[in-house]
Amino acid sequence: MKKENISDAVIRRLPRYYRRLTDLYHRGIVRISSHSLGEELNITASQIRQDFSCFGEFGQQGYGYNVEELRAEIGHILGVDHNHHLIMIGVGNLGHALLLNFPFSQTGFTVDAAFDVSPAVVNTTVNGIPVLSSGELDEFIANHPVDVVVLTVPQSIAQETADHLIGLGVKGFWNFTNIELTSTSPSVQFENIHFADSLLTLSYRILNC
């Protein structure tokens, strides 16, 4: 099956599989059936087999899946072994917290630099990552590979900032500005993160359980 024909729902389940397989691997589990993996994730065994069939044959009938091998295969599909280069724009409270606490390296990303306009943070480091002036951004991108930009800037400049970065050749955005960023270029990808969506989903479940 061609990659462009794989549904977004399948793609969004892959990180869940990878996370759970990583947990199983660290627990010393050597193999697991689709039924047992489904119980771990509250997904049907048939859905798991269908999802995996989009990318090839990973298991053996009567044996199940080798946890280490399946984890490596899914990690490869997700690009964990690709070493994407990433920068962050906006080192306020959220950006600072992400730099300190998010395990970028465990998900295949190297954070090369962060950028901000505040003199209070420019020319400092956060978790070993240099914080540069936003005035140095264009030159940095011209001289370094940048696969993904993490945006934690104010909403008022979010789309403008994204448009400028797209003009510089950036193709991937992890967007924490709480607005939907868009582009007319089909090669540009946005992952728009909305914390309120998750909290409201929890609110619905509490009210309707």
C-alpha atoms as a PDB file:
ATOM      1  CA  MET A   1       0.000   0.000   0.000  1.00  0.00           C
ATOM      2  CA  LYS A   2       1.313   3.441  -0.920  1.00  0.00           C
ATOM      3  CA  LYS A   3       2.056   5.739   2.004  1.00  0.00           C
ATOM      4  CA  GLU A   4      -0.310   8.413   0.735  1.00  0.00           C
ATOM      5  CA  ASN A   5      -3.175   5.936   0.998  1.00  0.00           C
ATOM      6  CA  ILE A   6      -2.631   5.249   4.687  1.00  0.00           C
ATOM      7  CA  SER A   7      -5.273   6.979   6.782  1.00  0.00           C
ATOM      8  CA  ASP A   8      -4.484   9.618   9.367  1.00  0.00           C
ATOM      9  CA  ALA A   9      -6.147   7.421  12.010  1.00  0.00           C
ATOM     10  CA  VAL A  10      -3.624   4.633  11.354  1.00  0.00           C
ATOM     11  CA  ILE A  11      -0.707   7.055  11.463  1.00  0.00           C
ATOM     12  CA  ARG A  12      -1.918   8.474  14.779  1.00  0.00           C
ATOM     13  CA  ARG A  13      -2.099   4.995  16.293  1.00  0.00           C
ATOM     14  CA  LEU A  14       1.513   4.215  15.420  1.00  0.00           C
ATOM     15  CA  PRO A  15       3.016   6.314  18.248  1.00  0.00           C
ATOM     16  CA  ARG A  16       0.707   4.517  20.699  1.00  0.00           C
ATOM     17  CA  TYR A  17       2.003   1.182  19.458  1.00  0.00           C
ATOM     18  CA  TYR A  18       5.583   2.398  19.691  1.00  0.00           C
ATOM     19  CA  ARG A  19       5.130   3.751  23.218  1.00  0.00           C
ATOM     20  CA  ARG A  20       3.516   0.552  24.494  1.00  0.00           C
ATOM     21  CA  LEU A  21       6.059  -1.686  22.768  1.00  0.00           C
ATOM     22  CA  THR A  22       8.833   0.370  24.350  1.00  0.00           C
ATOM     23  CA  ASP A  23       7.233  -0.234  27.742  1.00  0.00           C
ATOM     24  CA  LEU A  24       6.908  -3.972  27.025  1.00  0.00           C
ATOM     25  CA  TYR A  25      10.522  -4.119  25.853  1.00  0.00           C
ATOM     26  CA  HIS A  26      11.773  -2.493  29.056  1.00  0.00           C
ATOM     27  CA  ARG A  27       9.619  -4.910  31.058  1.00  0.00           C
ATOM     28  CA  GLY A  28      11.470  -7.792  29.419  1.00  0.00           C
ATOM     29  CA  ILE A  29       8.545  -9.067  27.319  1.00  0.00           C
ATOM     30  CA  VAL A  30       9.981 -10.966  24.345  1.00  0.00           C
ATOM     31  CA  ARG A  31       6.861 -11.625  22.266  1.00  0.00           C
ATOM     32  CA  ILE A  32       3.227 -10.679  22.284  1.00  0.00           C
ATOM     33  CA  SER A  33       0.133 -11.615  20.321  1.00  0.00           C
ATOM     34  CA  SER A  34      -2.100  -9.086  18.580  1.00  0.00           C
ATOM     35  CA  HIS A  35      -4.820 -10.057  21.081  1.00  0.00           C
ATOM     36  CA  SER A  36      -2.602  -9.282  24.098  1.00  0.00           C
ATOM     37  CA  LEU A  37      -1.313  -6.072  22.535  1.00  0.00           C
ATOM     38  CA  GLY A  38      -4.895  -5.067  21.838  1.00  0.00           C
ATOM     39  CA  GLU A  39      -5.801  -5.622  25.492  1.00  0.00           C
ATOM     40  CA  GLU A  40      -2.877  -3.414  26.503  1.00  0.00           C
ATOM     41  CA  LEU A  41      -4.137  -0.611  24.247  1.00  0.00           C
ATOM     42  CA  ASN A  42      -7.904  -1.205  24.257  1.00  0.00           C
ATOM     43  CA  ILE A  43      -7.789  -1.813  20.493  1.00  0.00           C
ATOM     44  CA  THR A  44      -9.126  -4.919  18.765  1.00  0.00           C
ATOM     45  CA  ALA A  45      -6.651  -7.510  17.527  1.00  0.00           C
ATOM     46  CA  SER A  46      -8.116  -7.253  14.029  1.00  0.00           C
ATOM     47  CA  GLN A  47      -7.536  -3.474  14.008  1.00  0.00           C
ATOM     48  CA  ILE A  48      -3.915  -3.993  15.011  1.00  0.00           C
ATOM     49  CA  ARG A  49      -3.336  -6.568  12.285  1.00  0.00           C
ATOM     50  CA  GLN A  50      -5.035  -4.298   9.754  1.00  0.00           C
ATOM     51  CA  ASP A  51      -2.890  -1.327  10.800  1.00  0.00           C
ATOM     52  CA  PHE A  52       0.338  -3.310  10.595  1.00  0.00           C
ATOM     53  CA  SER A  53      -0.599  -4.752   7.191  1.00  0.00           C
ATOM     54  CA  CYS A  54      -0.346  -1.223   5.784  1.00  0.00           C
ATOM     55  CA  PHE A  55       3.423  -1.428   6.256  1.00  0.00           C
ATOM     56  CA  GLY A  56       4.218  -5.103   5.667  1.00  0.00           C
ATOM     57  CA  GLU A  57       4.158  -8.396   7.567  1.00  0.00           C
ATOM     58  CA  PHE A  58       5.644  -8.156  11.044  1.00  0.00           C
ATOM     59  CA  GLY A  59       4.323 -11.188  12.941  1.00  0.00           C
ATOM     60  CA  GLN A  60       4.101 -14.940  12.493  1.00  0.00           C
ATOM     61  CA  GLN A  61       0.858 -16.858  12.821  1.00  0.00           C
ATOM     62  CA  GLY A  62       0.916 -18.893  16.003  1.00  0.00           C
ATOM     63  CA  TYR A  63       3.905 -16.965  17.355  1.00  0.00           C
ATOM     64  CA  GLY A  64       2.781 -13.348  17.482  1.00  0.00           C
ATOM     65  CA  TYR A  65       5.184 -10.447  17.367  1.00  0.00           C
ATOM     66  CA  ASN A  66       8.748 -10.201  18.564  1.00  0.00           C
ATOM     67  CA  VAL A  67       8.516  -7.104  20.750  1.00  0.00           C
ATOM     68  CA  GLU A  68      12.027  -5.810  20.103  1.00  0.00           C
ATOM     69  CA  GLU A  69      11.783  -6.295  16.336  1.00  0.00           C
ATOM     70  CA  LEU A  70       8.291  -4.814  16.064  1.00  0.00           C
ATOM     71  CA  ARG A  71       9.308  -1.823  18.175  1.00  0.00           C
ATOM     72  CA  ALA A  72      12.297  -1.244  15.879  1.00  0.00           C
ATOM     73  CA  GLU A  73      10.143  -1.573  12.742  1.00  0.00           C
ATOM     74  CA  ILE A  74       7.517   0.881  13.951  1.00  0.00           C
ATOM     75  CA  GLY A  75      10.208   3.236  15.212  1.00  0.00           C
ATOM     76  CA  HIS A  76      11.756   3.170  11.746  1.00  0.00           C
ATOM     77  CA  ILE A  77       8.383   3.906  10.113  1.00  0.00           C
ATOM     78  CA  LEU A  78       7.931   6.848  12.485  1.00  0.00           C
ATOM     79  CA  GLY A  79      11.446   8.104  11.775  1.00  0.00           C
ATOM     80  CA  VAL A  80      12.848   7.618  15.269  1.00  0.00           C
ATOM     81  CA  ASP A  81      16.161   6.588  13.689  1.00  0.00           C
ATOM     82  CA  HIS A  82      16.177   9.435  11.172  1.00  0.00           C
ATOM     83  CA  ASN A  83      17.655  12.173  13.425  1.00  0.00           C
ATOM     84  CA  HIS A  84      15.500  15.104  12.425  1.00  0.00           C
ATOM     85  CA  HIS A  85      16.927  18.540  13.172  1.00  0.00           C
ATOM     86  CA  LEU A  86      14.677  20.845  15.166  1.00  0.00           C
ATOM     87  CA  ILE A  87      14.680  24.397  16.430  1.00  0.00           C
ATOM     88  CA  MET A  88      12.306  26.190  18.793  1.00  0.00           C
ATOM     89  CA  ILE A  89      10.975  29.710  18.378  1.00  0.00           C
ATOM     90  CA  GLY A  90       9.694  31.211  21.614  1.00  0.00           C
ATOM     91  CA  VAL A  91      11.377  30.388  24.926  1.00  0.00           C
ATOM     92  CA  GLY A  92       8.719  31.580  27.341  1.00  0.00           C
ATOM     93  CA  ASN A  93       7.226  29.381  30.052  1.00  0.00           C
ATOM     94  CA  LEU A  94       5.999  26.668  27.684  1.00  0.00           C
ATOM     95  CA  GLY A  95       9.038  26.662  25.427  1.00  0.00           C
ATOM     96  CA  HIS A  96      11.365  26.588  28.425  1.00  0.00           C
ATOM     97  CA  ALA A  97       9.438  23.672  29.948  1.00  0.00           C
ATOM     98  CA  LEU A  98       9.571  21.702  26.687  1.00  0.00           C
ATOM     99  CA  LEU A  99      13.310  22.208  26.356  1.00  0.00           C
ATOM    100  CA  LEU A 100      13.831  21.079  29.932  1.00  0.00           C
ATOM    101  CA  ASN A 101      11.491  18.115  30.048  1.00  0.00           C
ATOM    102  CA  PHE A 102      10.497  16.750  26.653  1.00  0.00           C
ATOM    103  CA  PRO A 103      12.597  13.745  25.511  1.00  0.00           C
ATOM    104  CA  PHE A 104      13.270  14.988  21.979  1.00  0.00           C
ATOM    105  CA  SER A 105      16.235  12.673  21.455  1.00  0.00           C
ATOM    106  CA  GLN A 106      14.156   9.595  22.309  1.00  0.00           C
ATOM    107  CA  THR A 107      11.764  10.422  19.463  1.00  0.00           C
ATOM    108  CA  GLY A 108      14.426  10.969  16.822  1.00  0.00           C
ATOM    109  CA  PHE A 109      14.911  14.734  17.066  1.00  0.00           C
ATOM    110  CA  THR A 110      18.017  16.795  17.761  1.00  0.00           C
ATOM    111  CA  VAL A 111      17.323  20.266  19.128  1.00  0.00           C
ATOM    112  CA  ASP A 112      20.000  22.484  17.621  1.00  0.00           C
ATOM    113  CA  ALA A 113      18.936  25.902  18.907  1.00  0.00           C
ATOM    114  CA  ALA A 114      16.126  28.031  20.270  1.00  0.00           C
ATOM    115  CA  PHE A 115      15.227  31.620  19.402  1.00  0.00           C
ATOM    116  CA  ASP A 116      13.600  34.473  21.284  1.00  0.00           C
ATOM    117  CA  VAL A 117      13.351  38.261  21.294  1.00  0.00           C
ATOM    118  CA  SER A 118      13.720  38.749  25.051  1.00  0.00           C
ATOM    119  CA  PRO A 119      17.126  39.990  26.267  1.00  0.00           C
ATOM    120  CA  ALA A 120      16.458  38.006  29.455  1.00  0.00           C
ATOM    121  CA  VAL A 121      16.856  34.671  27.659  1.00  0.00           C
ATOM    122  CA  VAL A 122      18.939  35.466  24.546  1.00  0.00           C
ATOM    123  CA  ASN A 123      22.541  34.218  24.869  1.00  0.00           C
ATOM    124  CA  THR A 124      21.598  31.800  27.629  1.00  0.00           C
ATOM    125  CA  THR A 125      21.283  28.012  27.431  1.00  0.00           C
ATOM    126  CA  VAL A 126      18.399  25.777  28.458  1.00  0.00           C
ATOM    127  CA  ASN A 127      19.271  22.139  29.053  1.00  0.00           C
ATOM    128  CA  GLY A 128      22.423  22.671  27.011  1.00  0.00           C
ATOM    129  CA  ILE A 129      20.556  24.233  24.072  1.00  0.00           C
ATOM    130  CA  PRO A 130      21.682  27.736  23.043  1.00  0.00           C
ATOM    131  CA  VAL A 131      19.039  30.460  22.943  1.00  0.00           C
ATOM    132  CA  LEU A 132      19.806  32.865  20.114  1.00  0.00           C
ATOM    133  CA  SER A 133      18.290  36.170  19.093  1.00  0.00           C
ATOM    134  CA  SER A 134      15.401  35.947  16.630  1.00  0.00           C
ATOM    135  CA  GLY A 135      17.428  38.316  14.459  1.00  0.00           C
ATOM    136  CA  GLU A 136      19.852  35.443  13.831  1.00  0.00           C
ATOM    137  CA  LEU A 137      17.120  33.044  12.666  1.00  0.00           C
ATOM    138  CA  ASP A 138      17.373  33.531   8.892  1.00  0.00           C
ATOM    139  CA  GLU A 139      21.140  33.131   8.856  1.00  0.00           C
ATOM    140  CA  PHE A 140      20.926  30.047  11.071  1.00  0.00           C
ATOM    141  CA  ILE A 141      18.430  28.322   8.775  1.00  0.00           C
ATOM    142  CA  ALA A 142      20.530  29.219   5.743  1.00  0.00           C
ATOM    143  CA  ASN A 143      23.512  27.411   7.293  1.00  0.00           C
ATOM    144  CA  HIS A 144      21.895  24.509   9.177  1.00  0.00           C
ATOM    145  CA  PRO A 145      19.426  21.781   8.230  1.00  0.00           C
ATOM    146  CA  VAL A 146      16.069  22.423   9.930  1.00  0.00           C
ATOM    147  CA  ASP A 147      13.379  19.778   9.523  1.00  0.00           C
ATOM    148  CA  VAL A 148      10.935  20.942  12.198  1.00  0.00           C
ATOM    149  CA  VAL A 149      10.210  24.179  14.028  1.00  0.00           C
ATOM    150  CA  VAL A 150       8.497  24.154  17.418  1.00  0.00           C
ATOM    151  CA  LEU A 151       6.365  27.288  17.634  1.00  0.00           C
ATOM    152  CA  THR A 152       5.491  28.699  21.047  1.00  0.00           C
ATOM    153  CA  VAL A 153       5.107  32.321  19.953  1.00  0.00           C
ATOM    154  CA  PRO A 154       2.065  34.570  20.598  1.00  0.00           C
ATOM    155  CA  GLN A 155      -1.001  33.868  18.471  1.00  0.00           C
ATOM    156  CA  SER A 156      -0.848  37.320  16.916  1.00  0.00           C
ATOM    157  CA  ILE A 157       2.381  36.499  15.053  1.00  0.00           C
ATOM    158  CA  ALA A 158       2.000  32.726  14.646  1.00  0.00           C
ATOM    159  CA  GLN A 159       0.841  32.540  11.011  1.00  0.00           C
ATOM    160  CA  GLU A 160       3.171  35.353   9.963  1.00  0.00           C
ATOM    161  CA  THR A 161       6.098  33.541  11.575  1.00  0.00           C
ATOM    162  CA  ALA A 162       5.139  30.247   9.942  1.00  0.00           C
ATOM    163  CA  ASP A 163       4.813  31.897   6.522  1.00  0.00           C
ATOM    164  CA  HIS A 164       8.263  33.434   6.888  1.00  0.00           C
ATOM    165  CA  LEU A 165       9.785  30.087   7.868  1.00  0.00           C
ATOM    166  CA  ILE A 166       8.071  28.310   4.978  1.00  0.00           C
ATOM    167  CA  GLY A 167       9.668  30.880   2.694  1.00  0.00           C
ATOM    168  CA  LEU A 168      13.026  29.854   4.167  1.00  0.00           C
ATOM    169  CA  GLY A 169      12.340  26.207   3.325  1.00  0.00           C
ATOM    170  CA  VAL A 170      10.967  24.803   6.573  1.00  0.00           C
ATOM    171  CA  LYS A 171       8.490  21.951   5.977  1.00  0.00           C
ATOM    172  CA  GLY A 172       7.420  20.784   9.461  1.00  0.00           C
ATOM    173  CA  PHE A 173       5.814  22.656  12.365  1.00  0.00           C
ATOM    174  CA  TRP A 174       4.938  21.483  15.876  1.00  0.00           C
ATOM    175  CA  ASN A 175       2.552  24.303  16.701  1.00  0.00           C
ATOM    176  CA  PHE A 176       1.684  25.189  20.303  1.00  0.00           C
ATOM    177  CA  THR A 177       0.195  28.613  19.557  1.00  0.00           C
ATOM    178  CA  ASN A 178      -3.394  27.345  19.955  1.00  0.00           C
ATOM    179  CA  ILE A 179      -4.459  28.452  16.478  1.00  0.00           C
ATOM    180  CA  GLU A 180      -4.691  26.375  13.297  1.00  0.00           C
ATOM    181  CA  LEU A 181      -1.753  27.212  11.068  1.00  0.00           C
ATOM    182  CA  THR A 182      -2.159  26.598   7.349  1.00  0.00           C
ATOM    183  CA  SER A 183      -0.187  26.690   4.124  1.00  0.00           C
ATOM    184  CA  THR A 184      -1.054  26.439   0.456  1.00  0.00           C
ATOM    185  CA  SER A 185       1.986  24.184  -0.062  1.00  0.00           C
ATOM    186  CA  PRO A 186       1.104  20.461   0.153  1.00  0.00           C
ATOM    187  CA  SER A 187       4.662  19.662   1.237  1.00  0.00           C
ATOM    188  CA  VAL A 188       4.347  21.678   4.467  1.00  0.00           C
ATOM    189  CA  GLN A 189       3.064  19.720   7.462  1.00  0.00           C
ATOM    190  CA  PHE A 190       1.542  21.116  10.659  1.00  0.00           C
ATOM    191  CA  GLU A 191       0.825  19.335  13.902  1.00  0.00           C
ATOM    192  CA  ASN A 192      -1.420  21.834  15.681  1.00  0.00           C
ATOM    193  CA  ILE A 193      -1.531  21.126  19.414  1.00  0.00           C
ATOM    194  CA  HIS A 194      -4.572  22.293  21.386  1.00  0.00           C
ATOM    195  CA  PHE A 195      -4.367  21.550  25.110  1.00  0.00           C
ATOM    196  CA  ALA A 196      -7.971  22.647  25.604  1.00  0.00           C
ATOM    197  CA  ASP A 197      -9.188  19.895  23.243  1.00  0.00           C
ATOM    198  CA  SER A 198      -7.708  17.239  25.480  1.00  0.00           C
ATOM    199  CA  LEU A 199      -9.110  18.815  28.636  1.00  0.00           C
ATOM    200  CA  LEU A 200     -12.590  19.196  27.103  1.00  0.00           C
ATOM    201  CA  THR A 201     -12.499  15.550  26.001  1.00  0.00           C
ATOM    202  CA  LEU A 202     -11.795  14.616  29.600  1.00  0.00           C
ATOM    203  CA  SER A 203     -14.657  16.874  30.716  1.00  0.00           C
ATOM    204  CA  TYR A 204     -17.065  15.062  28.383  1.00  0.00           C
ATOM    205  CA  ARG A 205     -15.957  11.652  29.633  1.00  0.00           C
ATOM    206  CA  ILE A 206     -16.364  12.681  33.258  1.00  0.00           C
ATOM    207  CA  LEU A 207     -19.869  13.935  32.579  1.00  0.00           C
ATOM    208  CA  ASN A 208     -20.915  10.885  30.541  1.00  0.00           C
ATOM    209  CA  CYS A 209     -19.204   7.928  32.186  1.00  0.00           C
END
